[in-house]
Amino acid sequence: MRDGFKSAALYALLSGSLLLAYYNLVEPEHFRLRVEEMVQRGMAEGQPEDIIRPRLEKFFTPFNYASITFFALLAIGGAQSLVIAILHHKVLRRYR
């Protein structure tokens, strides 16, 4: 289980780092444009801009996006390594 989790942690770390670098260096305007689009939709629904914009600008950042991706991949990798360890321990050892 430990080896599977190490691989999943390395993959999650690399993916999160690459996403952070991509959105900071290659496409830095992505989140600004996304916030603008969401603010326009919110204003069309009748919500005031001075309430919507700060919340969206605080949440939609490259760091938050990379962090959420990192922790999600880490949790999924941990769950998968646990399932494989249980499968190996309970089922595959019988055929050894």
PDB file of N, CA and C in Angstrom:
ATOM      1  N   MET A   1       0.827  -1.190   0.000  1.00  0.00           N
ATOM      2  CA  MET A   1       0.000   0.000   0.000  1.00  0.00           C
ATOM      3  C   MET A   1       0.874   1.256   0.000  1.00  0.00           C
ATOM      4  N   ARG A   2       1.969   1.198   0.729  1.00  0.00           N
ATOM      5  CA  ARG A   2       2.836   2.364   0.837  1.00  0.00           C
ATOM      6  C   ARG A   2       3.428   2.765  -0.517  1.00  0.00           C
ATOM      7  N   ASP A   3       3.829   1.780  -1.311  1.00  0.00           N
ATOM      8  CA  ASP A   3       4.407   2.086  -2.614  1.00  0.00           C
ATOM      9  C   ASP A   3       3.374   2.692  -3.556  1.00  0.00           C
ATOM     10  N   GLY A   4       2.158   2.179  -3.497  1.00  0.00           N
ATOM     11  CA  GLY A   4       1.089   2.743  -4.328  1.00  0.00           C
ATOM     12  C   GLY A   4       0.768   4.166  -3.939  1.00  0.00           C
ATOM     13  N   PHE A   5       0.788   4.433  -2.637  1.00  0.00           N
ATOM     14  CA  PHE A   5       0.495   5.792  -2.191  1.00  0.00           C
ATOM     15  C   PHE A   5       1.636   6.731  -2.542  1.00  0.00           C
ATOM     16  N   LYS A   6       2.874   6.257  -2.490  1.00  0.00           N
ATOM     17  CA  LYS A   6       4.011   7.098  -2.891  1.00  0.00           C
ATOM     18  C   LYS A   6       3.885   7.518  -4.350  1.00  0.00           C
ATOM     19  N   SER A   7       3.519   6.572  -5.195  1.00  0.00           N
ATOM     20  CA  SER A   7       3.347   6.890  -6.613  1.00  0.00           C
ATOM     21  C   SER A   7       2.214   7.882  -6.814  1.00  0.00           C
ATOM     22  N   ALA A   8       1.113   7.685  -6.100  1.00  0.00           N
ATOM     23  CA  ALA A   8      -0.025   8.597  -6.222  1.00  0.00           C
ATOM     24  C   ALA A   8       0.342   9.987  -5.715  1.00  0.00           C
ATOM     25  N   ALA A   9       1.106  10.058  -4.626  1.00  0.00           N
ATOM     26  CA  ALA A   9       1.515  11.353  -4.085  1.00  0.00           C
ATOM     27  C   ALA A   9       2.450  12.072  -5.048  1.00  0.00           C
ATOM     28  N   LEU A  10       3.372  11.342  -5.663  1.00  0.00           N
ATOM     29  CA  LEU A  10       4.271  11.950  -6.637  1.00  0.00           C
ATOM     30  C   LEU A  10       3.492  12.470  -7.843  1.00  0.00           C
ATOM     31  N   TYR A  11       2.543  11.670  -8.322  1.00  0.00           N
ATOM     32  CA  TYR A  11       1.715  12.089  -9.450  1.00  0.00           C
ATOM     33  C   TYR A  11       0.893  13.333  -9.096  1.00  0.00           C
ATOM     34  N   ALA A  12       0.310  13.349  -7.905  1.00  0.00           N
ATOM     35  CA  ALA A  12      -0.488  14.498  -7.478  1.00  0.00           C
ATOM     36  C   ALA A  12       0.386  15.744  -7.356  1.00  0.00           C
ATOM     37  N   LEU A  13       1.582  15.590  -6.815  1.00  0.00           N
ATOM     38  CA  LEU A  13       2.488  16.719  -6.665  1.00  0.00           C
ATOM     39  C   LEU A  13       2.919  17.269  -8.024  1.00  0.00           C
ATOM     40  N   LEU A  14       3.269  16.384  -8.940  1.00  0.00           N
ATOM     41  CA  LEU A  14       3.661  16.831 -10.274  1.00  0.00           C
ATOM     42  C   LEU A  14       2.503  17.503 -11.008  1.00  0.00           C
ATOM     43  N   SER A  15       1.322  16.918 -10.922  1.00  0.00           N
ATOM     44  CA  SER A  15       0.162  17.502 -11.599  1.00  0.00           C
ATOM     45  C   SER A  15      -0.188  18.872 -11.028  1.00  0.00           C
ATOM     46  N   GLY A  16      -0.199  18.978  -9.715  1.00  0.00           N
ATOM     47  CA  GLY A  16      -0.493  20.267  -9.096  1.00  0.00           C
ATOM     48  C   GLY A  16       0.539  21.324  -9.435  1.00  0.00           C
ATOM     49  N   SER A  17       1.809  20.939  -9.430  1.00  0.00           N
ATOM     50  CA  SER A  17       2.884  21.881  -9.767  1.00  0.00           C
ATOM     51  C   SER A  17       2.798  22.335 -11.217  1.00  0.00           C
ATOM     52  N   LEU A  18       2.532  21.391 -12.102  1.00  0.00           N
ATOM     53  CA  LEU A  18       2.411  21.753 -13.515  1.00  0.00           C
ATOM     54  C   LEU A  18       1.208  22.650 -13.767  1.00  0.00           C
ATOM     55  N   LEU A  19       0.095  22.388 -13.097  1.00  0.00           N
ATOM     56  CA  LEU A  19      -1.071  23.272 -13.252  1.00  0.00           C
ATOM     57  C   LEU A  19      -0.781  24.671 -12.743  1.00  0.00           C
ATOM     58  N   LEU A  20      -0.114  24.755 -11.596  1.00  0.00           N
ATOM     59  CA  LEU A  20       0.218  26.061 -11.046  1.00  0.00           C
ATOM     60  C   LEU A  20       1.146  26.823 -11.988  1.00  0.00           C
ATOM     61  N   ALA A  21       2.145  26.141 -12.500  1.00  0.00           N
ATOM     62  CA  ALA A  21       3.074  26.790 -13.437  1.00  0.00           C
ATOM     63  C   ALA A  21       2.361  27.189 -14.726  1.00  0.00           C
ATOM     64  N   TYR A  22       1.492  26.332 -15.221  1.00  0.00           N
ATOM     65  CA  TYR A  22       0.782  26.622 -16.464  1.00  0.00           C
ATOM     66  C   TYR A  22      -0.080  27.879 -16.328  1.00  0.00           C
ATOM     67  N   TYR A  23      -0.870  27.945 -15.261  1.00  0.00           N
ATOM     68  CA  TYR A  23      -1.780  29.086 -15.124  1.00  0.00           C
ATOM     69  C   TYR A  23      -1.073  30.353 -14.658  1.00  0.00           C
ATOM     70  N   ASN A  24       0.126  30.245 -14.120  1.00  0.00           N
ATOM     71  CA  ASN A  24       0.886  31.448 -13.770  1.00  0.00           C
ATOM     72  C   ASN A  24       1.753  31.941 -14.914  1.00  0.00           C
ATOM     73  N   LEU A  25       2.291  31.029 -15.721  1.00  0.00           N
ATOM     74  CA  LEU A  25       3.259  31.418 -16.750  1.00  0.00           C
ATOM     75  C   LEU A  25       2.693  31.401 -18.160  1.00  0.00           C
ATOM     76  N   VAL A  26       1.973  30.368 -18.526  1.00  0.00           N
ATOM     77  CA  VAL A  26       1.516  30.210 -19.904  1.00  0.00           C
ATOM     78  C   VAL A  26       0.213  30.949 -20.160  1.00  0.00           C
ATOM     79  N   GLU A  27      -0.731  30.790 -19.279  1.00  0.00           N
ATOM     80  CA  GLU A  27      -2.059  31.384 -19.491  1.00  0.00           C
ATOM     81  C   GLU A  27      -2.505  32.163 -18.251  1.00  0.00           C
ATOM     82  N   PRO A  28      -1.845  33.278 -17.949  1.00  0.00           N
ATOM     83  CA  PRO A  28      -2.171  34.008 -16.720  1.00  0.00           C
ATOM     84  C   PRO A  28      -3.514  34.738 -16.754  1.00  0.00           C
ATOM     85  N   GLU A  29      -4.080  34.948 -17.919  1.00  0.00           N
ATOM     86  CA  GLU A  29      -5.345  35.687 -18.033  1.00  0.00           C
ATOM     87  C   GLU A  29      -6.583  34.797 -17.914  1.00  0.00           C
ATOM     88  N   HIS A  30      -6.390  33.496 -17.802  1.00  0.00           N
ATOM     89  CA  HIS A  30      -7.521  32.569 -17.798  1.00  0.00           C
ATOM     90  C   HIS A  30      -8.502  32.862 -16.664  1.00  0.00           C
ATOM     91  N   PHE A  31      -8.000  33.010 -15.456  1.00  0.00           N
ATOM     92  CA  PHE A  31      -8.892  33.198 -14.316  1.00  0.00           C
ATOM     93  C   PHE A  31      -9.523  34.585 -14.311  1.00  0.00           C
ATOM     94  N   ARG A  32      -8.810  35.589 -14.798  1.00  0.00           N
ATOM     95  CA  ARG A  32      -9.398  36.922 -14.892  1.00  0.00           C
ATOM     96  C   ARG A  32     -10.583  36.912 -15.860  1.00  0.00           C
ATOM     97  N   LEU A  33     -10.404  36.263 -17.007  1.00  0.00           N
ATOM     98  CA  LEU A  33     -11.491  36.171 -17.987  1.00  0.00           C
ATOM     99  C   LEU A  33     -12.657  35.340 -17.452  1.00  0.00           C
ATOM    100  N   ARG A  34     -12.333  34.289 -16.743  1.00  0.00           N
ATOM    101  CA  ARG A  34     -13.387  33.441 -16.163  1.00  0.00           C
ATOM    102  C   ARG A  34     -14.203  34.206 -15.115  1.00  0.00           C
ATOM    103  N   VAL A  35     -13.510  34.990 -14.281  1.00  0.00           N
ATOM    104  CA  VAL A  35     -14.207  35.800 -13.278  1.00  0.00           C
ATOM    105  C   VAL A  35     -15.091  36.830 -13.956  1.00  0.00           C
ATOM    106  N   GLU A  36     -14.588  37.476 -15.006  1.00  0.00           N
ATOM    107  CA  GLU A  36     -15.386  38.469 -15.738  1.00  0.00           C
ATOM    108  C   GLU A  36     -16.665  37.846 -16.288  1.00  0.00           C
ATOM    109  N   GLU A  37     -16.533  36.658 -16.864  1.00  0.00           N
ATOM    110  CA  GLU A  37     -17.701  35.965 -17.410  1.00  0.00           C
ATOM    111  C   GLU A  37     -18.719  35.644 -16.320  1.00  0.00           C
ATOM    112  N   MET A  38     -18.233  35.191 -15.178  1.00  0.00           N
ATOM    113  CA  MET A  38     -19.147  34.830 -14.084  1.00  0.00           C
ATOM    114  C   MET A  38     -19.782  36.070 -13.455  1.00  0.00           C
ATOM    115  N   VAL A  39     -19.041  37.161 -13.405  1.00  0.00           N
ATOM    116  CA  VAL A  39     -19.602  38.406 -12.884  1.00  0.00           C
ATOM    117  C   VAL A  39     -20.720  38.896 -13.805  1.00  0.00           C
ATOM    118  N   GLN A  40     -20.498  38.814 -15.104  1.00  0.00           N
ATOM    119  CA  GLN A  40     -21.534  39.225 -16.063  1.00  0.00           C
ATOM    120  C   GLN A  40     -22.793  38.377 -15.916  1.00  0.00           C
ATOM    121  N   ARG A  41     -22.602  37.069 -15.737  1.00  0.00           N
ATOM    122  CA  ARG A  41     -23.771  36.203 -15.536  1.00  0.00           C
ATOM    123  C   ARG A  41     -24.491  36.535 -14.235  1.00  0.00           C
ATOM    124  N   GLY A  42     -23.729  36.815 -13.183  1.00  0.00           N
ATOM    125  CA  GLY A  42     -24.340  37.169 -11.903  1.00  0.00           C
ATOM    126  C   GLY A  42     -25.085  38.478 -11.968  1.00  0.00           C
ATOM    127  N   MET A  43     -24.512  39.444 -12.679  1.00  0.00           N
ATOM    128  CA  MET A  43     -25.194  40.729 -12.828  1.00  0.00           C
ATOM    129  C   MET A  43     -26.454  40.589 -13.668  1.00  0.00           C
ATOM    130  N   ALA A  44     -26.443  39.673 -14.641  1.00  0.00           N
ATOM    131  CA  ALA A  44     -27.645  39.437 -15.444  1.00  0.00           C
ATOM    132  C   ALA A  44     -28.753  38.827 -14.595  1.00  0.00           C
ATOM    133  N   GLU A  45     -28.363  38.123 -13.540  1.00  0.00           N
ATOM    134  CA  GLU A  45     -29.356  37.537 -12.626  1.00  0.00           C
ATOM    135  C   GLU A  45     -29.815  38.529 -11.566  1.00  0.00           C
ATOM    136  N   GLY A  46     -29.206  39.710 -11.534  1.00  0.00           N
ATOM    137  CA  GLY A  46     -29.654  40.744 -10.611  1.00  0.00           C
ATOM    138  C   GLY A  46     -28.819  40.881  -9.354  1.00  0.00           C
ATOM    139  N   GLN A  47     -27.665  40.264  -9.290  1.00  0.00           N
ATOM    140  CA  GLN A  47     -26.810  40.376  -8.110  1.00  0.00           C
ATOM    141  C   GLN A  47     -25.849  41.549  -8.299  1.00  0.00           C
ATOM    142  N   PRO A  48     -25.531  42.269  -7.231  1.00  0.00           N
ATOM    143  CA  PRO A  48     -24.636  43.428  -7.363  1.00  0.00           C
ATOM    144  C   PRO A  48     -23.178  43.007  -7.579  1.00  0.00           C
ATOM    145  N   GLU A  49     -22.496  43.760  -8.430  1.00  0.00           N
ATOM    146  CA  GLU A  49     -21.120  43.426  -8.799  1.00  0.00           C
ATOM    147  C   GLU A  49     -20.160  43.540  -7.621  1.00  0.00           C
ATOM    148  N   ASP A  50     -20.372  44.516  -6.734  1.00  0.00           N
ATOM    149  CA  ASP A  50     -19.437  44.721  -5.632  1.00  0.00           C
ATOM    150  C   ASP A  50     -19.475  43.595  -4.594  1.00  0.00           C
ATOM    151  N   ILE A  51     -20.476  42.753  -4.652  1.00  0.00           N
ATOM    152  CA  ILE A  51     -20.528  41.572  -3.776  1.00  0.00           C
ATOM    153  C   ILE A  51     -19.974  40.346  -4.501  1.00  0.00           C
ATOM    154  N   ILE A  52     -20.284  40.215  -5.774  1.00  0.00           N
ATOM    155  CA  ILE A  52     -19.873  39.032  -6.540  1.00  0.00           C
ATOM    156  C   ILE A  52     -18.374  39.023  -6.816  1.00  0.00           C
ATOM    157  N   ARG A  53     -17.851  40.119  -7.316  1.00  0.00           N
ATOM    158  CA  ARG A  53     -16.462  40.153  -7.791  1.00  0.00           C
ATOM    159  C   ARG A  53     -15.429  39.784  -6.720  1.00  0.00           C
ATOM    160  N   PRO A  54     -15.463  40.352  -5.521  1.00  0.00           N
ATOM    161  CA  PRO A  54     -14.431  39.978  -4.534  1.00  0.00           C
ATOM    162  C   PRO A  54     -14.458  38.496  -4.166  1.00  0.00           C
ATOM    163  N   ARG A  55     -15.637  37.942  -4.078  1.00  0.00           N
ATOM    164  CA  ARG A  55     -15.742  36.516  -3.745  1.00  0.00           C
ATOM    165  C   ARG A  55     -15.143  35.649  -4.843  1.00  0.00           C
ATOM    166  N   LEU A  56     -15.472  35.963  -6.084  1.00  0.00           N
ATOM    167  CA  LEU A  56     -14.957  35.173  -7.201  1.00  0.00           C
ATOM    168  C   LEU A  56     -13.455  35.353  -7.366  1.00  0.00           C
ATOM    169  N   GLU A  57     -12.954  36.579  -7.194  1.00  0.00           N
ATOM    170  CA  GLU A  57     -11.519  36.813  -7.334  1.00  0.00           C
ATOM    171  C   GLU A  57     -10.726  36.142  -6.220  1.00  0.00           C
ATOM    172  N   LYS A  58     -11.343  35.998  -5.054  1.00  0.00           N
ATOM    173  CA  LYS A  58     -10.667  35.320  -3.956  1.00  0.00           C
ATOM    174  C   LYS A  58     -10.612  33.809  -4.188  1.00  0.00           C
ATOM    175  N   PHE A  59     -11.641  33.248  -4.788  1.00  0.00           N
ATOM    176  CA  PHE A  59     -11.712  31.791  -4.962  1.00  0.00           C
ATOM    177  C   PHE A  59     -11.004  31.314  -6.232  1.00  0.00           C
ATOM    178  N   PHE A  60     -11.236  31.979  -7.349  1.00  0.00           N
ATOM    179  CA  PHE A  60     -10.696  31.508  -8.629  1.00  0.00           C
ATOM    180  C   PHE A  60      -9.294  32.068  -8.849  1.00  0.00           C
ATOM    181  N   THR A  61      -8.316  31.364  -8.290  1.00  0.00           N
ATOM    182  CA  THR A  61      -6.905  31.704  -8.450  1.00  0.00           C
ATOM    183  C   THR A  61      -6.154  30.451  -8.898  1.00  0.00           C
ATOM    184  N   PRO A  62      -5.013  30.615  -9.531  1.00  0.00           N
ATOM    185  CA  PRO A  62      -4.226  29.438  -9.920  1.00  0.00           C
ATOM    186  C   PRO A  62      -3.826  28.577  -8.723  1.00  0.00           C
ATOM    187  N   PHE A  63      -3.500  29.215  -7.584  1.00  0.00           N
ATOM    188  CA  PHE A  63      -3.105  28.442  -6.407  1.00  0.00           C
ATOM    189  C   PHE A  63      -4.248  27.580  -5.892  1.00  0.00           C
ATOM    190  N   ASN A  64      -5.448  28.138  -5.809  1.00  0.00           N
ATOM    191  CA  ASN A  64      -6.594  27.346  -5.351  1.00  0.00           C
ATOM    192  C   ASN A  64      -6.896  26.203  -6.303  1.00  0.00           C
ATOM    193  N   TYR A  65      -6.827  26.473  -7.590  1.00  0.00           N
ATOM    194  CA  TYR A  65      -7.098  25.443  -8.593  1.00  0.00           C
ATOM    195  C   TYR A  65      -6.089  24.302  -8.481  1.00  0.00           C
ATOM    196  N   ALA A  66      -4.804  24.652  -8.351  1.00  0.00           N
ATOM    197  CA  ALA A  66      -3.765  23.629  -8.224  1.00  0.00           C
ATOM    198  C   ALA A  66      -3.889  22.885  -6.898  1.00  0.00           C
ATOM    199  N   SER A  67      -4.249  23.581  -5.827  1.00  0.00           N
ATOM    200  CA  SER A  67      -4.394  22.937  -4.517  1.00  0.00           C
ATOM    201  C   SER A  67      -5.552  21.953  -4.499  1.00  0.00           C
ATOM    202  N   ILE A  68      -6.672  22.355  -5.055  1.00  0.00           N
ATOM    203  CA  ILE A  68      -7.830  21.462  -5.103  1.00  0.00           C
ATOM    204  C   ILE A  68      -7.504  20.226  -5.935  1.00  0.00           C
ATOM    205  N   THR A  69      -6.829  20.423  -7.060  1.00  0.00           N
ATOM    206  CA  THR A  69      -6.427  19.295  -7.900  1.00  0.00           C
ATOM    207  C   THR A  69      -5.463  18.387  -7.163  1.00  0.00           C
ATOM    208  N   PHE A  70      -4.483  18.968  -6.465  1.00  0.00           N
ATOM    209  CA  PHE A  70      -3.510  18.173  -5.717  1.00  0.00           C
ATOM    210  C   PHE A  70      -4.191  17.312  -4.666  1.00  0.00           C
ATOM    211  N   PHE A  71      -5.030  17.914  -3.837  1.00  0.00           N
ATOM    212  CA  PHE A  71      -5.659  17.156  -2.759  1.00  0.00           C
ATOM    213  C   PHE A  71      -6.662  16.127  -3.281  1.00  0.00           C
ATOM    214  N   ALA A  72      -7.349  16.448  -4.361  1.00  0.00           N
ATOM    215  CA  ALA A  72      -8.274  15.476  -4.946  1.00  0.00           C
ATOM    216  C   ALA A  72      -7.522  14.275  -5.511  1.00  0.00           C
ATOM    217  N   LEU A  73      -6.439  14.525  -6.236  1.00  0.00           N
ATOM    218  CA  LEU A  73      -5.638  13.416  -6.767  1.00  0.00           C
ATOM    219  C   LEU A  73      -4.988  12.609  -5.656  1.00  0.00           C
ATOM    220  N   LEU A  74      -4.574  13.273  -4.592  1.00  0.00           N
ATOM    221  CA  LEU A  74      -3.983  12.573  -3.453  1.00  0.00           C
ATOM    222  C   LEU A  74      -5.013  11.673  -2.775  1.00  0.00           C
ATOM    223  N   ALA A  75      -6.223  12.168  -2.599  1.00  0.00           N
ATOM    224  CA  ALA A  75      -7.276  11.362  -1.974  1.00  0.00           C
ATOM    225  C   ALA A  75      -7.669  10.186  -2.864  1.00  0.00           C
ATOM    226  N   ILE A  76      -7.800  10.423  -4.151  1.00  0.00           N
ATOM    227  CA  ILE A  76      -8.157   9.340  -5.075  1.00  0.00           C
ATOM    228  C   ILE A  76      -7.050   8.299  -5.126  1.00  0.00           C
ATOM    229  N   GLY A  77      -5.800   8.739  -5.172  1.00  0.00           N
ATOM    230  CA  GLY A  77      -4.674   7.809  -5.184  1.00  0.00           C
ATOM    231  C   GLY A  77      -4.582   7.006  -3.912  1.00  0.00           C
ATOM    232  N   GLY A  78      -4.846   7.638  -2.772  1.00  0.00           N
ATOM    233  CA  GLY A  78      -4.856   6.916  -1.500  1.00  0.00           C
ATOM    234  C   GLY A  78      -5.962   5.879  -1.444  1.00  0.00           C
ATOM    235  N   ALA A  79      -7.127   6.237  -1.929  1.00  0.00           N
ATOM    236  CA  ALA A  79      -8.245   5.291  -1.948  1.00  0.00           C
ATOM    237  C   ALA A  79      -7.953   4.126  -2.886  1.00  0.00           C
ATOM    238  N   GLN A  80      -7.376   4.413  -4.035  1.00  0.00           N
ATOM    239  CA  GLN A  80      -7.038   3.336  -4.974  1.00  0.00           C
ATOM    240  C   GLN A  80      -5.965   2.414  -4.409  1.00  0.00           C
ATOM    241  N   SER A  81      -4.956   2.968  -3.755  1.00  0.00           N
ATOM    242  CA  SER A  81      -3.922   2.108  -3.190  1.00  0.00           C
ATOM    243  C   SER A  81      -4.476   1.274  -2.042  1.00  0.00           C
ATOM    244  N   LEU A  82      -5.422   1.810  -1.289  1.00  0.00           N
ATOM    245  CA  LEU A  82      -6.067   1.040  -0.235  1.00  0.00           C
ATOM    246  C   LEU A  82      -6.885  -0.105  -0.813  1.00  0.00           C
ATOM    247  N   VAL A  83      -7.639   0.162  -1.858  1.00  0.00           N
ATOM    248  CA  VAL A  83      -8.444  -0.892  -2.500  1.00  0.00           C
ATOM    249  C   VAL A  83      -7.545  -1.987  -3.065  1.00  0.00           C
ATOM    250  N   ILE A  84      -6.463  -1.607  -3.717  1.00  0.00           N
ATOM    251  CA  ILE A  84      -5.545  -2.603  -4.277  1.00  0.00           C
ATOM    252  C   ILE A  84      -4.884  -3.403  -3.167  1.00  0.00           C
ATOM    253  N   ALA A  85      -4.513  -2.758  -2.055  1.00  0.00           N
ATOM    254  CA  ALA A  85      -3.901  -3.476  -0.932  1.00  0.00           C
ATOM    255  C   ALA A  85      -4.880  -4.477  -0.322  1.00  0.00           C
ATOM    256  N   ILE A  86      -6.126  -4.069  -0.171  1.00  0.00           N
ATOM    257  CA  ILE A  86      -7.143  -4.984   0.374  1.00  0.00           C
ATOM    258  C   ILE A  86      -7.385  -6.133  -0.586  1.00  0.00           C
ATOM    259  N   LEU A  87      -7.471  -5.836  -1.868  1.00  0.00           N
ATOM    260  CA  LEU A  87      -7.655  -6.875  -2.869  1.00  0.00           C
ATOM    261  C   LEU A  87      -6.486  -7.863  -2.846  1.00  0.00           C
ATOM    262  N   HIS A  88      -5.302  -7.343  -2.758  1.00  0.00           N
ATOM    263  CA  HIS A  88      -4.119  -8.203  -2.727  1.00  0.00           C
ATOM    264  C   HIS A  88      -4.101  -9.054  -1.467  1.00  0.00           C
ATOM    265  N   HIS A  89      -4.429  -8.441  -0.330  1.00  0.00           N
ATOM    266  CA  HIS A  89      -4.384  -9.162   0.943  1.00  0.00           C
ATOM    267  C   HIS A  89      -5.487 -10.215   1.053  1.00  0.00           C
ATOM    268  N   LYS A  90      -6.685  -9.886   0.639  1.00  0.00           N
ATOM    269  CA  LYS A  90      -7.827 -10.786   0.831  1.00  0.00           C
ATOM    270  C   LYS A  90      -8.004 -11.789  -0.288  1.00  0.00           C
ATOM    271  N   VAL A  91      -7.710 -11.420  -1.529  1.00  0.00           N
ATOM    272  CA  VAL A  91      -8.029 -12.295  -2.658  1.00  0.00           C
ATOM    273  C   VAL A  91      -6.793 -12.930  -3.279  1.00  0.00           C
ATOM    274  N   LEU A  92      -5.817 -12.145  -3.621  1.00  0.00           N
ATOM    275  CA  LEU A  92      -4.692 -12.654  -4.388  1.00  0.00           C
ATOM    276  C   LEU A  92      -3.744 -13.536  -3.584  1.00  0.00           C
ATOM    277  N   ARG A  93      -3.683 -13.381  -2.279  1.00  0.00           N
ATOM    278  CA  ARG A  93      -2.820 -14.231  -1.453  1.00  0.00           C
ATOM    279  C   ARG A  93      -3.292 -15.683  -1.433  1.00  0.00           C
ATOM    280  N   ARG A  94      -4.545 -15.909  -1.689  1.00  0.00           N
ATOM    281  CA  ARG A  94      -5.077 -17.293  -1.703  1.00  0.00           C
ATOM    282  C   ARG A  94      -4.522 -18.093  -2.853  1.00  0.00           C
ATOM    283  N   TYR A  95      -4.161 -17.422  -3.938  1.00  0.00           N
ATOM    284  CA  TYR A  95      -3.678 -18.122  -5.126  1.00  0.00           C
ATOM    285  C   TYR A  95      -2.159 -18.173  -5.208  1.00  0.00           C
ATOM    286  N   ARG A  96      -1.485 -17.820  -4.178  1.00  0.00           N
ATOM    287  CA  ARG A  96      -0.038 -17.852  -4.141  1.00  0.00           C
ATOM    288  C   ARG A  96       0.505 -19.176  -3.735  1.00  0.00           C
TER     289      ARG A  96
END
